[in-house]
Amino acid sequence: MNGLEDIYIIKVNSKGNLVWERQIENIDSKERAHSIKNMPDGGYIIIGNKWEFIAEAEDSYPGLYLVRLDSSGKKVFEKVISAAGK
């Protein structure tokens, strides 16, 4: 894991065998997942927070972090909704 904090996701089958594993990482930020939900198409949506660190900033405020995965765990998109006024 290369980022400050990363999200690590595994999918197992009904027997507990690994189907796939994914790491969501960004070098200059930290991410935390708070919830993951199945989507009707077999994919997943991950909801959490992302902190982006800027060298000149004294503080970092988390943004709402959304990541969409397809049914095989490939990232479809990610979006950060910044904290108001930050």
Protein backbone atom coordinates (compact mmCIF):
# COMPACT_ATOMS: atom_id res chain seq x y z
CA MET A 1 0.00 0.00 0.00
CA ASN A 2 1.51 3.26 -1.13
CA GLY A 3 -0.89 5.93 0.06
CA LEU A 4 -1.25 7.44 3.49
CA GLU A 5 -4.34 5.27 4.06
CA ASP A 6 -5.95 3.11 1.41
CA ILE A 7 -9.18 1.21 0.92
CA TYR A 8 -8.79 -2.53 0.47
CA ILE A 9 -11.73 -4.61 -0.77
CA ILE A 10 -12.07 -8.35 -1.21
CA LYS A 11 -14.87 -10.37 -2.72
CA VAL A 12 -15.30 -13.99 -1.68
CA ASN A 13 -17.69 -16.63 -2.92
CA SER A 14 -20.18 -18.58 -0.80
CA LYS A 15 -17.40 -20.99 0.23
CA GLY A 16 -15.14 -18.16 1.38
CA ASN A 17 -12.74 -18.46 -1.54
CA LEU A 18 -11.22 -15.27 -2.93
CA VAL A 19 -12.89 -14.06 -6.14
CA TRP A 20 -11.02 -10.75 -6.45
CA GLU A 21 -9.28 -8.11 -4.38
CA ARG A 22 -8.77 -4.41 -5.04
CA GLN A 23 -6.83 -1.60 -3.44
CA ILE A 24 -7.98 1.97 -3.91
CA GLU A 25 -5.00 4.20 -3.30
CA ASN A 26 -3.77 7.70 -3.94
CA ILE A 27 -0.28 8.79 -2.96
CA ASP A 28 -1.08 12.30 -1.65
CA SER A 29 -4.29 11.53 0.19
CA LYS A 30 -5.93 9.13 2.57
CA GLU A 31 -9.22 7.39 1.98
CA ARG A 32 -11.60 5.66 4.35
CA ALA A 33 -14.58 3.56 3.37
CA HIS A 34 -17.65 3.76 5.57
CA SER A 35 -20.09 1.71 3.53
CA ILE A 36 -20.21 -0.54 0.48
CA LYS A 37 -23.44 -1.46 -1.27
CA ASN A 38 -24.35 -3.91 -4.03
CA MET A 39 -25.82 -2.31 -7.14
CA PRO A 40 -28.52 -3.90 -9.32
CA ASP A 41 -26.00 -4.55 -12.12
CA GLY A 42 -23.75 -6.60 -9.81
CA GLY A 43 -21.30 -3.76 -9.20
CA TYR A 44 -20.63 -1.87 -6.00
CA ILE A 45 -20.67 1.67 -4.68
CA ILE A 46 -18.28 2.63 -1.89
CA ILE A 47 -19.00 5.68 0.24
CA GLY A 48 -16.43 7.21 2.52
CA ASN A 49 -14.15 10.17 3.03
CA LYS A 50 -11.02 11.38 1.30
CA TRP A 51 -8.47 13.78 2.76
CA GLU A 52 -6.22 15.53 0.26
CA PHE A 53 -3.10 17.09 1.68
CA ILE A 54 -1.64 20.29 0.28
CA ALA A 55 1.85 21.27 1.39
CA GLU A 56 0.92 24.87 2.21
CA ALA A 57 -2.24 23.98 4.14
CA GLU A 58 -2.17 23.58 7.90
CA ASP A 59 -5.30 21.45 7.98
CA SER A 60 -7.04 19.09 5.64
CA TYR A 61 -10.78 18.67 5.55
CA PRO A 62 -12.37 15.46 4.33
CA GLY A 63 -14.55 15.37 1.27
CA LEU A 64 -17.29 12.85 0.60
CA TYR A 65 -15.69 10.08 -1.45
CA LEU A 66 -17.67 7.91 -3.88
CA VAL A 67 -16.15 5.02 -5.80
CA ARG A 68 -18.09 2.86 -8.26
CA LEU A 69 -16.79 -0.63 -9.10
CA ASP A 70 -18.14 -2.99 -11.73
CA SER A 71 -18.97 -6.63 -10.92
CA SER A 72 -15.34 -7.68 -11.46
CA GLY A 73 -14.02 -4.99 -9.11
CA LYS A 74 -12.71 -2.61 -11.80
CA LYS A 75 -13.04 1.07 -10.94
CA VAL A 76 -15.73 2.70 -13.08
CA PHE A 77 -15.40 6.16 -11.51
CA GLU A 78 -14.47 8.02 -8.37
CA LYS A 79 -15.70 11.40 -7.21
CA VAL A 80 -14.85 13.66 -4.32
CA ILE A 81 -17.37 16.22 -3.13
CA SER A 82 -15.29 18.78 -1.22
CA ALA A 83 -16.16 20.09 2.20
CA ALA A 84 -18.04 23.39 1.93
CA GLY A 85 -15.73 26.38 1.87
CA LYS A 86 -12.53 24.35 1.96
